[in-house]
Amino acid sequence: MRAASAASDMATGSFTYTVFVDDNFHYMDESERYKLGEFSSYAEAVAACERLVDAYLLENPTADETAAQKYAAYTSFGPDPFIVTDDPAVAAPRFSAWDYAKGRCGLK
């Protein structure tokens, strides 16, 4: 039944892009995962992920911290949002919060 639904979704373009958030501090602990929301486009889902990473980086400033230290703190303690979708057009590359944070920290 899902195959018929996927074919219908492809025809109408009505895919859902769900953003989930893992906690870098609780690596591999799915009990710490939460659903941020569902979005009607991949671009909206990416924007939500970026806002979450940006908020963490802005809320945790340290004047004497290097870019590498800021990035290390993010990968140790920050939120790690990711997108789940059945849209075949979004096979790869997918959004990477760590890559995005690396760029925002000036390491890319």
PDB file of N, CA and C in Angstrom:
ATOM      1  N   MET A   1       0.818  -1.190   0.000  1.00  0.00           N
ATOM      2  CA  MET A   1       0.000   0.000   0.000  1.00  0.00           C
ATOM      3  C   MET A   1       0.868   1.261   0.000  1.00  0.00           C
ATOM      4  N   ARG A   2       1.999   1.238   0.706  1.00  0.00           N
ATOM      5  CA  ARG A   2       2.865   2.412   0.770  1.00  0.00           C
ATOM      6  C   ARG A   2       3.434   2.745  -0.609  1.00  0.00           C
ATOM      7  N   ALA A   3       3.680   1.744  -1.454  1.00  0.00           N
ATOM      8  CA  ALA A   3       4.212   1.998  -2.801  1.00  0.00           C
ATOM      9  C   ALA A   3       3.230   2.819  -3.615  1.00  0.00           C
ATOM     10  N   ALA A   4       1.941   2.504  -3.496  1.00  0.00           N
ATOM     11  CA  ALA A   4       0.923   3.276  -4.206  1.00  0.00           C
ATOM     12  C   ALA A   4       0.874   4.697  -3.671  1.00  0.00           C
ATOM     13  N   SER A   5       1.020   4.836  -2.357  1.00  0.00           N
ATOM     14  CA  SER A   5       1.018   6.160  -1.741  1.00  0.00           C
ATOM     15  C   SER A   5       2.240   6.962  -2.178  1.00  0.00           C
ATOM     16  N   ALA A   6       3.399   6.309  -2.245  1.00  0.00           N
ATOM     17  CA  ALA A   6       4.621   6.992  -2.686  1.00  0.00           C
ATOM     18  C   ALA A   6       4.488   7.453  -4.124  1.00  0.00           C
ATOM     19  N   ALA A   7       3.881   6.612  -4.980  1.00  0.00           N
ATOM     20  CA  ALA A   7       3.662   7.001  -6.373  1.00  0.00           C
ATOM     21  C   ALA A   7       2.744   8.199  -6.446  1.00  0.00           C
ATOM     22  N   SER A   8       1.718   8.220  -5.601  1.00  0.00           N
ATOM     23  CA  SER A   8       0.801   9.351  -5.548  1.00  0.00           C
ATOM     24  C   SER A   8       1.520  10.602  -5.060  1.00  0.00           C
ATOM     25  N   ASP A   9       2.373  10.447  -4.020  1.00  0.00           N
ATOM     26  CA  ASP A   9       3.145  11.575  -3.507  1.00  0.00           C
ATOM     27  C   ASP A   9       4.051  12.157  -4.579  1.00  0.00           C
ATOM     28  N   MET A  10       4.678  11.279  -5.374  1.00  0.00           N
ATOM     29  CA  MET A  10       5.572  11.743  -6.439  1.00  0.00           C
ATOM     30  C   MET A  10       4.793  12.534  -7.477  1.00  0.00           C
ATOM     31  N   ALA A  11       3.577  12.094  -7.774  1.00  0.00           N
ATOM     32  CA  ALA A  11       2.758  12.779  -8.767  1.00  0.00           C
ATOM     33  C   ALA A  11       2.310  14.141  -8.265  1.00  0.00           C
ATOM     34  N   THR A  12       1.988  14.233  -6.974  1.00  0.00           N
ATOM     35  CA  THR A  12       1.483  15.489  -6.429  1.00  0.00           C
ATOM     36  C   THR A  12       2.570  16.333  -5.779  1.00  0.00           C
ATOM     37  N   GLY A  13       3.728  15.717  -5.507  1.00  0.00           N
ATOM     38  CA  GLY A  13       4.801  16.453  -4.846  1.00  0.00           C
ATOM     39  C   GLY A  13       4.505  16.705  -3.382  1.00  0.00           C
ATOM     40  N   SER A  14       3.684  15.888  -2.760  1.00  0.00           N
ATOM     41  CA  SER A  14       3.281  16.118  -1.371  1.00  0.00           C
ATOM     42  C   SER A  14       4.050  15.220  -0.409  1.00  0.00           C
ATOM     43  N   PHE A  15       5.312  15.482  -0.268  1.00  0.00           N
ATOM     44  CA  PHE A  15       6.140  14.735   0.667  1.00  0.00           C
ATOM     45  C   PHE A  15       6.208  15.483   1.988  1.00  0.00           C
ATOM     46  N   THR A  16       6.515  14.763   3.033  1.00  0.00           N
ATOM     47  CA  THR A  16       6.718  15.368   4.340  1.00  0.00           C
ATOM     48  C   THR A  16       8.193  15.267   4.685  1.00  0.00           C
ATOM     49  N   TYR A  17       8.705  16.317   5.260  1.00  0.00           N
ATOM     50  CA  TYR A  17      10.101  16.394   5.671  1.00  0.00           C
ATOM     51  C   TYR A  17      10.089  16.599   7.186  1.00  0.00           C
ATOM     52  N   THR A  18      10.422  15.550   7.913  1.00  0.00           N
ATOM     53  CA  THR A  18      10.357  15.578   9.368  1.00  0.00           C
ATOM     54  C   THR A  18      11.746  15.822   9.933  1.00  0.00           C
ATOM     55  N   VAL A  19      11.830  16.786  10.837  1.00  0.00           N
ATOM     56  CA  VAL A  19      13.108  17.084  11.495  1.00  0.00           C
ATOM     57  C   VAL A  19      13.086  16.482  12.894  1.00  0.00           C
ATOM     58  N   PHE A  20      14.071  15.637  13.144  1.00  0.00           N
ATOM     59  CA  PHE A  20      14.298  15.076  14.467  1.00  0.00           C
ATOM     60  C   PHE A  20      15.594  15.669  15.001  1.00  0.00           C
ATOM     61  N   VAL A  21      15.722  15.692  16.313  1.00  0.00           N
ATOM     62  CA  VAL A  21      16.918  16.269  16.925  1.00  0.00           C
ATOM     63  C   VAL A  21      17.496  15.279  17.932  1.00  0.00           C
ATOM     64  N   ASP A  22      18.741  14.928  17.713  1.00  0.00           N
ATOM     65  CA  ASP A  22      19.495  14.145  18.689  1.00  0.00           C
ATOM     66  C   ASP A  22      20.312  15.120  19.520  1.00  0.00           C
ATOM     67  N   ASP A  23      20.765  14.659  20.654  1.00  0.00           N
ATOM     68  CA  ASP A  23      21.556  15.465  21.567  1.00  0.00           C
ATOM     69  C   ASP A  23      22.992  14.954  21.513  1.00  0.00           C
ATOM     70  N   ASN A  24      23.911  15.790  21.056  1.00  0.00           N
ATOM     71  CA  ASN A  24      25.306  15.350  20.946  1.00  0.00           C
ATOM     72  C   ASN A  24      25.871  14.886  22.292  1.00  0.00           C
ATOM     73  N   PHE A  25      25.382  15.463  23.395  1.00  0.00           N
ATOM     74  CA  PHE A  25      25.875  15.081  24.715  1.00  0.00           C
ATOM     75  C   PHE A  25      25.445  13.659  25.076  1.00  0.00           C
ATOM     76  N   HIS A  26      24.299  13.252  24.551  1.00  0.00           N
ATOM     77  CA  HIS A  26      23.782  11.901  24.814  1.00  0.00           C
ATOM     78  C   HIS A  26      23.866  11.068  23.531  1.00  0.00           C
ATOM     79  N   TYR A  27      25.045  10.988  22.979  1.00  0.00           N
ATOM     80  CA  TYR A  27      25.293  10.298  21.720  1.00  0.00           C
ATOM     81  C   TYR A  27      24.712   8.882  21.746  1.00  0.00           C
ATOM     82  N   MET A  28      23.963   8.544  20.703  1.00  0.00           N
ATOM     83  CA  MET A  28      23.363   7.221  20.508  1.00  0.00           C
ATOM     84  C   MET A  28      22.245   6.897  21.506  1.00  0.00           C
ATOM     85  N   ASP A  29      21.798   7.864  22.280  1.00  0.00           N
ATOM     86  CA  ASP A  29      20.711   7.635  23.231  1.00  0.00           C
ATOM     87  C   ASP A  29      19.417   8.147  22.610  1.00  0.00           C
ATOM     88  N   GLU A  30      18.681   7.243  21.967  1.00  0.00           N
ATOM     89  CA  GLU A  30      17.467   7.634  21.263  1.00  0.00           C
ATOM     90  C   GLU A  30      16.375   8.152  22.194  1.00  0.00           C
ATOM     91  N   SER A  31      16.491   7.897  23.486  1.00  0.00           N
ATOM     92  CA  SER A  31      15.492   8.425  24.423  1.00  0.00           C
ATOM     93  C   SER A  31      15.608   9.943  24.551  1.00  0.00           C
ATOM     94  N   GLU A  32      16.740  10.497  24.146  1.00  0.00           N
ATOM     95  CA  GLU A  32      16.948  11.952  24.179  1.00  0.00           C
ATOM     96  C   GLU A  32      16.499  12.626  22.879  1.00  0.00           C
ATOM     97  N   ARG A  33      16.122  11.838  21.882  1.00  0.00           N
ATOM     98  CA  ARG A  33      15.690  12.364  20.579  1.00  0.00           C
ATOM     99  C   ARG A  33      14.294  12.969  20.703  1.00  0.00           C
ATOM    100  N   TYR A  34      14.083  14.072  19.972  1.00  0.00           N
ATOM    101  CA  TYR A  34      12.735  14.629  19.892  1.00  0.00           C
ATOM    102  C   TYR A  34      12.438  15.082  18.467  1.00  0.00           C
ATOM    103  N   LYS A  35      11.162  15.214  18.209  1.00  0.00           N
ATOM    104  CA  LYS A  35      10.701  15.655  16.890  1.00  0.00           C
ATOM    105  C   LYS A  35      10.513  17.163  16.934  1.00  0.00           C
ATOM    106  N   LEU A  36      11.264  17.864  16.093  1.00  0.00           N
ATOM    107  CA  LEU A  36      11.154  19.324  16.018  1.00  0.00           C
ATOM    108  C   LEU A  36       9.904  19.741  15.254  1.00  0.00           C
ATOM    109  N   GLY A  37       9.610  19.020  14.160  1.00  0.00           N
ATOM    110  CA  GLY A  37       8.416  19.355  13.393  1.00  0.00           C
ATOM    111  C   GLY A  37       8.414  18.714  12.028  1.00  0.00           C
ATOM    112  N   GLU A  38       7.294  18.898  11.335  1.00  0.00           N
ATOM    113  CA  GLU A  38       7.134  18.421   9.967  1.00  0.00           C
ATOM    114  C   GLU A  38       7.015  19.627   9.053  1.00  0.00           C
ATOM    115  N   PHE A  39       7.637  19.522   7.889  1.00  0.00           N
ATOM    116  CA  PHE A  39       7.694  20.644   6.962  1.00  0.00           C
ATOM    117  C   PHE A  39       7.252  20.183   5.583  1.00  0.00           C
ATOM    118  N   SER A  40       6.728  21.108   4.809  1.00  0.00           N
ATOM    119  CA  SER A  40       6.185  20.750   3.494  1.00  0.00           C
ATOM    120  C   SER A  40       7.224  20.818   2.383  1.00  0.00           C
ATOM    121  N   SER A  41       8.437  21.296   2.708  1.00  0.00           N
ATOM    122  CA  SER A  41       9.499  21.299   1.699  1.00  0.00           C
ATOM    123  C   SER A  41      10.841  21.007   2.370  1.00  0.00           C
ATOM    124  N   TYR A  42      11.752  20.495   1.581  1.00  0.00           N
ATOM    125  CA  TYR A  42      13.092  20.210   2.083  1.00  0.00           C
ATOM    126  C   TYR A  42      13.778  21.504   2.524  1.00  0.00           C
ATOM    127  N   ALA A  43      13.579  22.564   1.765  1.00  0.00           N
ATOM    128  CA  ALA A  43      14.192  23.855   2.096  1.00  0.00           C
ATOM    129  C   ALA A  43      13.723  24.361   3.461  1.00  0.00           C
ATOM    130  N   GLU A  44      12.443  24.190   3.764  1.00  0.00           N
ATOM    131  CA  GLU A  44      11.920  24.602   5.076  1.00  0.00           C
ATOM    132  C   GLU A  44      12.538  23.767   6.195  1.00  0.00           C
ATOM    133  N   ALA A  45      12.687  22.472   5.952  1.00  0.00           N
ATOM    134  CA  ALA A  45      13.283  21.584   6.951  1.00  0.00           C
ATOM    135  C   ALA A  45      14.746  21.955   7.197  1.00  0.00           C
ATOM    136  N   VAL A  46      15.482  22.227   6.130  1.00  0.00           N
ATOM    137  CA  VAL A  46      16.884  22.644   6.272  1.00  0.00           C
ATOM    138  C   VAL A  46      16.964  23.949   7.051  1.00  0.00           C
ATOM    139  N   ALA A  47      16.099  24.899   6.737  1.00  0.00           N
ATOM    140  CA  ALA A  47      16.105  26.191   7.444  1.00  0.00           C
ATOM    141  C   ALA A  47      15.851  25.990   8.941  1.00  0.00           C
ATOM    142  N   ALA A  48      14.966  25.086   9.294  1.00  0.00           N
ATOM    143  CA  ALA A  48      14.682  24.808  10.708  1.00  0.00           C
ATOM    144  C   ALA A  48      15.915  24.213  11.386  1.00  0.00           C
ATOM    145  N   CYS A  49      16.598  23.309  10.699  1.00  0.00           N
ATOM    146  CA  CYS A  49      17.833  22.720  11.230  1.00  0.00           C
ATOM    147  C   CYS A  49      18.899  23.797  11.437  1.00  0.00           C
ATOM    148  N   GLU A  50      19.059  24.650  10.448  1.00  0.00           N
ATOM    149  CA  GLU A  50      20.063  25.717  10.532  1.00  0.00           C
ATOM    150  C   GLU A  50      19.755  26.672  11.673  1.00  0.00           C
ATOM    151  N   ARG A  51      18.477  27.024  11.857  1.00  0.00           N
ATOM    152  CA  ARG A  51      18.092  27.923  12.962  1.00  0.00           C
ATOM    153  C   ARG A  51      18.463  27.306  14.308  1.00  0.00           C
ATOM    154  N   LEU A  52      18.252  26.014  14.453  1.00  0.00           N
ATOM    155  CA  LEU A  52      18.558  25.339  15.711  1.00  0.00           C
ATOM    156  C   LEU A  52      20.060  25.359  15.995  1.00  0.00           C
ATOM    157  N   VAL A  53      20.867  25.061  14.994  1.00  0.00           N
ATOM    158  CA  VAL A  53      22.327  25.093  15.157  1.00  0.00           C
ATOM    159  C   VAL A  53      22.786  26.522  15.438  1.00  0.00           C
ATOM    160  N   ASP A  54      22.272  27.489  14.671  1.00  0.00           N
ATOM    161  CA  ASP A  54      22.646  28.893  14.873  1.00  0.00           C
ATOM    162  C   ASP A  54      22.291  29.360  16.285  1.00  0.00           C
ATOM    163  N   ALA A  55      21.110  28.964  16.766  1.00  0.00           N
ATOM    164  CA  ALA A  55      20.678  29.369  18.113  1.00  0.00           C
ATOM    165  C   ALA A  55      21.653  28.833  19.159  1.00  0.00           C
ATOM    166  N   TYR A  56      22.066  27.587  19.025  1.00  0.00           N
ATOM    167  CA  TYR A  56      23.032  27.029  19.975  1.00  0.00           C
ATOM    168  C   TYR A  56      24.336  27.822  19.933  1.00  0.00           C
ATOM    169  N   LEU A  57      24.848  28.075  18.741  1.00  0.00           N
ATOM    170  CA  LEU A  57      26.123  28.782  18.624  1.00  0.00           C
ATOM    171  C   LEU A  57      26.037  30.207  19.160  1.00  0.00           C
ATOM    172  N   LEU A  58      24.896  30.860  18.972  1.00  0.00           N
ATOM    173  CA  LEU A  58      24.722  32.230  19.482  1.00  0.00           C
ATOM    174  C   LEU A  58      24.509  32.265  20.988  1.00  0.00           C
ATOM    175  N   GLU A  59      23.851  31.249  21.513  1.00  0.00           N
ATOM    176  CA  GLU A  59      23.534  31.220  22.949  1.00  0.00           C
ATOM    177  C   GLU A  59      24.705  30.737  23.791  1.00  0.00           C
ATOM    178  N   ASN A  60      25.738  30.238  23.167  1.00  0.00           N
ATOM    179  CA  ASN A  60      26.880  29.699  23.904  1.00  0.00           C
ATOM    180  C   ASN A  60      28.189  30.349  23.462  1.00  0.00           C
ATOM    181  N   PRO A  61      28.231  31.688  23.475  1.00  0.00           N
ATOM    182  CA  PRO A  61      29.454  32.359  23.028  1.00  0.00           C
ATOM    183  C   PRO A  61      30.516  32.405  24.132  1.00  0.00           C
ATOM    184  N   THR A  62      31.742  32.327  23.720  1.00  0.00           N
ATOM    185  CA  THR A  62      32.861  32.525  24.621  1.00  0.00           C
ATOM    186  C   THR A  62      33.884  33.356  23.861  1.00  0.00           C
ATOM    187  N   ALA A  63      34.162  34.527  24.387  1.00  0.00           N
ATOM    188  CA  ALA A  63      35.010  35.483  23.680  1.00  0.00           C
ATOM    189  C   ALA A  63      36.409  34.932  23.397  1.00  0.00           C
ATOM    190  N   ASP A  64      36.960  34.161  24.315  1.00  0.00           N
ATOM    191  CA  ASP A  64      38.332  33.697  24.138  1.00  0.00           C
ATOM    192  C   ASP A  64      38.420  32.312  23.499  1.00  0.00           C
ATOM    193  N   GLU A  65      37.296  31.808  23.017  1.00  0.00           N
ATOM    194  CA  GLU A  65      37.257  30.484  22.409  1.00  0.00           C
ATOM    195  C   GLU A  65      37.672  30.552  20.935  1.00  0.00           C
ATOM    196  N   THR A  66      38.497  29.625  20.508  1.00  0.00           N
ATOM    197  CA  THR A  66      38.861  29.564  19.091  1.00  0.00           C
ATOM    198  C   THR A  66      37.713  28.931  18.312  1.00  0.00           C
ATOM    199  N   ALA A  67      37.767  29.051  17.007  1.00  0.00           N
ATOM    200  CA  ALA A  67      36.748  28.434  16.151  1.00  0.00           C
ATOM    201  C   ALA A  67      36.717  26.924  16.362  1.00  0.00           C
ATOM    202  N   ALA A  68      37.891  26.323  16.485  1.00  0.00           N
ATOM    203  CA  ALA A  68      37.963  24.874  16.694  1.00  0.00           C
ATOM    204  C   ALA A  68      37.364  24.487  18.042  1.00  0.00           C
ATOM    205  N   GLN A  69      37.583  25.288  19.072  1.00  0.00           N
ATOM    206  CA  GLN A  69      37.016  24.996  20.389  1.00  0.00           C
ATOM    207  C   GLN A  69      35.495  25.154  20.375  1.00  0.00           C
ATOM    208  N   LYS A  70      35.018  26.167  19.670  1.00  0.00           N
ATOM    209  CA  LYS A  70      33.571  26.381  19.567  1.00  0.00           C
ATOM    210  C   LYS A  70      32.907  25.203  18.846  1.00  0.00           C
ATOM    211  N   TYR A  71      33.539  24.741  17.779  1.00  0.00           N
ATOM    212  CA  TYR A  71      33.022  23.603  17.037  1.00  0.00           C
ATOM    213  C   TYR A  71      33.062  22.334  17.899  1.00  0.00           C
ATOM    214  N   ALA A  72      34.139  22.140  18.635  1.00  0.00           N
ATOM    215  CA  ALA A  72      34.254  20.972  19.511  1.00  0.00           C
ATOM    216  C   ALA A  72      33.172  20.998  20.586  1.00  0.00           C
ATOM    217  N   ALA A  73      32.867  22.173  21.116  1.00  0.00           N
ATOM    218  CA  ALA A  73      31.803  22.281  22.120  1.00  0.00           C
ATOM    219  C   ALA A  73      30.451  21.942  21.498  1.00  0.00           C
ATOM    220  N   TYR A  74      30.224  22.416  20.271  1.00  0.00           N
ATOM    221  CA  TYR A  74      28.964  22.093  19.597  1.00  0.00           C
ATOM    222  C   TYR A  74      28.830  20.580  19.397  1.00  0.00           C
ATOM    223  N   THR A  75      29.887  19.943  18.877  1.00  0.00           N
ATOM    224  CA  THR A  75      29.792  18.505  18.598  1.00  0.00           C
ATOM    225  C   THR A  75      29.739  17.674  19.872  1.00  0.00           C
ATOM    226  N   SER A  76      30.093  18.261  20.995  1.00  0.00           N
ATOM    227  CA  SER A  76      30.011  17.549  22.275  1.00  0.00           C
ATOM    228  C   SER A  76      28.687  17.786  22.990  1.00  0.00           C
ATOM    229  N   PHE A  77      28.117  18.975  22.846  1.00  0.00           N
ATOM    230  CA  PHE A  77      26.964  19.341  23.665  1.00  0.00           C
ATOM    231  C   PHE A  77      25.756  19.865  22.905  1.00  0.00           C
ATOM    232  N   GLY A  78      25.915  20.239  21.644  1.00  0.00           N
ATOM    233  CA  GLY A  78      24.833  20.895  20.909  1.00  0.00           C
ATOM    234  C   GLY A  78      23.799  19.942  20.338  1.00  0.00           C
ATOM    235  N   PRO A  79      22.739  20.512  19.793  1.00  0.00           N
ATOM    236  CA  PRO A  79      21.703  19.709  19.148  1.00  0.00           C
ATOM    237  C   PRO A  79      22.179  19.229  17.776  1.00  0.00           C
ATOM    238  N   ASP A  80      21.733  18.053  17.381  1.00  0.00           N
ATOM    239  CA  ASP A  80      22.135  17.478  16.101  1.00  0.00           C
ATOM    240  C   ASP A  80      20.880  17.153  15.286  1.00  0.00           C
ATOM    241  N   PRO A  81      20.305  18.167  14.626  1.00  0.00           N
ATOM    242  CA  PRO A  81      19.079  17.931  13.860  1.00  0.00           C
ATOM    243  C   PRO A  81      19.348  17.178  12.561  1.00  0.00           C
ATOM    244  N   PHE A  82      18.366  16.372  12.159  1.00  0.00           N
ATOM    245  CA  PHE A  82      18.459  15.665  10.889  1.00  0.00           C
ATOM    246  C   PHE A  82      17.068  15.519  10.293  1.00  0.00           C
ATOM    247  N   ILE A  83      17.025  15.289   8.992  1.00  0.00           N
ATOM    248  CA  ILE A  83      15.761  15.275   8.240  1.00  0.00           C
ATOM    249  C   ILE A  83      15.468  13.856   7.774  1.00  0.00           C
ATOM    250  N   VAL A  84      14.228  13.442   7.986  1.00  0.00           N
ATOM    251  CA  VAL A  84      13.750  12.145   7.505  1.00  0.00           C
ATOM    252  C   VAL A  84      12.641  12.415   6.495  1.00  0.00           C
ATOM    253  N   THR A  85      12.758  11.804   5.316  1.00  0.00           N
ATOM    254  CA  THR A  85      11.737  11.964   4.282  1.00  0.00           C
ATOM    255  C   THR A  85      11.744  10.753   3.367  1.00  0.00           C
ATOM    256  N   ASP A  86      10.622  10.549   2.700  1.00  0.00           N
ATOM    257  CA  ASP A  86      10.563   9.491   1.691  1.00  0.00           C
ATOM    258  C   ASP A  86      10.611  10.087   0.285  1.00  0.00           C
ATOM    259  N   ASP A  87      10.987  11.353   0.190  1.00  0.00           N
ATOM    260  CA  ASP A  87      11.119  12.028  -1.095  1.00  0.00           C
ATOM    261  C   ASP A  87      12.370  11.499  -1.797  1.00  0.00           C
ATOM    262  N   PRO A  88      12.207  10.801  -2.925  1.00  0.00           N
ATOM    263  CA  PRO A  88      13.375  10.228  -3.604  1.00  0.00           C
ATOM    264  C   PRO A  88      14.312  11.286  -4.192  1.00  0.00           C
ATOM    265  N   ALA A  89      13.830  12.497  -4.346  1.00  0.00           N
ATOM    266  CA  ALA A  89      14.677  13.563  -4.889  1.00  0.00           C
ATOM    267  C   ALA A  89      15.692  14.053  -3.862  1.00  0.00           C
ATOM    268  N   VAL A  90      15.510  13.674  -2.611  1.00  0.00           N
ATOM    269  CA  VAL A  90      16.407  14.113  -1.543  1.00  0.00           C
ATOM    270  C   VAL A  90      17.251  12.934  -1.077  1.00  0.00           C
ATOM    271  N   ALA A  91      17.817  12.227  -1.998  1.00  0.00           N
ATOM    272  CA  ALA A  91      18.626  11.056  -1.661  1.00  0.00           C
ATOM    273  C   ALA A  91      19.973  11.477  -1.064  1.00  0.00           C
ATOM    274  N   ALA A  92      20.665  12.386  -1.715  1.00  0.00           N
ATOM    275  CA  ALA A  92      21.963  12.842  -1.234  1.00  0.00           C
ATOM    276  C   ALA A  92      22.348  14.072  -2.036  1.00  0.00           C
ATOM    277  N   PRO A  93      23.105  14.976  -1.550  1.00  0.00           N
ATOM    278  CA  PRO A  93      23.567  14.983  -0.170  1.00  0.00           C
ATOM    279  C   PRO A  93      22.479  15.491   0.766  1.00  0.00           C
ATOM    280  N   ARG A  94      22.439  14.950   1.923  1.00  0.00           N
ATOM    281  CA  ARG A  94      21.474  15.366   2.942  1.00  0.00           C
ATOM    282  C   ARG A  94      22.115  16.401   3.847  1.00  0.00           C
ATOM    283  N   PHE A  95      21.255  17.122   4.561  1.00  0.00           N
ATOM    284  CA  PHE A  95      21.732  18.128   5.498  1.00  0.00           C
ATOM    285  C   PHE A  95      22.574  17.477   6.589  1.00  0.00           C
ATOM    286  N   SER A  96      23.714  18.063   6.893  1.00  0.00           N
ATOM    287  CA  SER A  96      24.564  17.617   7.996  1.00  0.00           C
ATOM    288  C   SER A  96      24.738  18.788   8.958  1.00  0.00           C
ATOM    289  N   ALA A  97      24.220  18.643  10.166  1.00  0.00           N
ATOM    290  CA  ALA A  97      24.344  19.700  11.171  1.00  0.00           C
ATOM    291  C   ALA A  97      25.808  19.947  11.517  1.00  0.00           C
ATOM    292  N   TRP A  98      26.592  18.891  11.566  1.00  0.00           N
ATOM    293  CA  TRP A  98      28.007  19.059  11.895  1.00  0.00           C
ATOM    294  C   TRP A  98      28.728  19.845  10.811  1.00  0.00           C
ATOM    295  N   ASP A  99      28.455  19.556   9.537  1.00  0.00           N
ATOM    296  CA  ASP A  99      29.070  20.322   8.449  1.00  0.00           C
ATOM    297  C   ASP A  99      28.623  21.774   8.497  1.00  0.00           C
ATOM    298  N   TYR A 100      27.328  21.977   8.754  1.00  0.00           N
ATOM    299  CA  TYR A 100      26.807  23.341   8.822  1.00  0.00           C
ATOM    300  C   TYR A 100      27.482  24.101   9.969  1.00  0.00           C
ATOM    301  N   ALA A 101      27.570  23.475  11.143  1.00  0.00           N
ATOM    302  CA  ALA A 101      28.207  24.121  12.308  1.00  0.00           C
ATOM    303  C   ALA A 101      29.669  24.427  12.030  1.00  0.00           C
ATOM    304  N   LYS A 102      30.339  23.529  11.328  1.00  0.00           N
ATOM    305  CA  LYS A 102      31.752  23.755  10.990  1.00  0.00           C
ATOM    306  C   LYS A 102      31.892  25.033  10.166  1.00  0.00           C
ATOM    307  N   GLY A 103      30.996  25.211   9.205  1.00  0.00           N
ATOM    308  CA  GLY A 103      31.014  26.433   8.398  1.00  0.00           C
ATOM    309  C   GLY A 103      30.691  27.671   9.213  1.00  0.00           C
ATOM    310  N   ARG A 104      29.722  27.555  10.102  1.00  0.00           N
ATOM    311  CA  ARG A 104      29.324  28.696  10.932  1.00  0.00           C
ATOM    312  C   ARG A 104      30.421  29.074  11.928  1.00  0.00           C
ATOM    313  N   CYS A 105      31.243  28.103  12.299  1.00  0.00           N
ATOM    314  CA  CYS A 105      32.357  28.379  13.198  1.00  0.00           C
ATOM    315  C   CYS A 105      33.579  28.895  12.444  1.00  0.00           C
ATOM    316  N   GLY A 106      33.488  28.953  11.124  1.00  0.00           N
ATOM    317  CA  GLY A 106      34.584  29.469  10.308  1.00  0.00           C
ATOM    318  C   GLY A 106      35.672  28.456  10.035  1.00  0.00           C
ATOM    319  N   LEU A 107      35.321  27.174  10.059  1.00  0.00           N
ATOM    320  CA  LEU A 107      36.331  26.132   9.836  1.00  0.00           C
ATOM    321  C   LEU A 107      36.228  25.507   8.457  1.00  0.00           C
ATOM    322  N   LYS A 108      35.359  26.012   7.631  1.00  0.00           N
ATOM    323  CA  LYS A 108      35.158  25.416   6.319  1.00  0.00           C
ATOM    324  C   LYS A 108      35.387  26.437   5.231  1.00  0.00           C
TER     325      LYS A 108
END
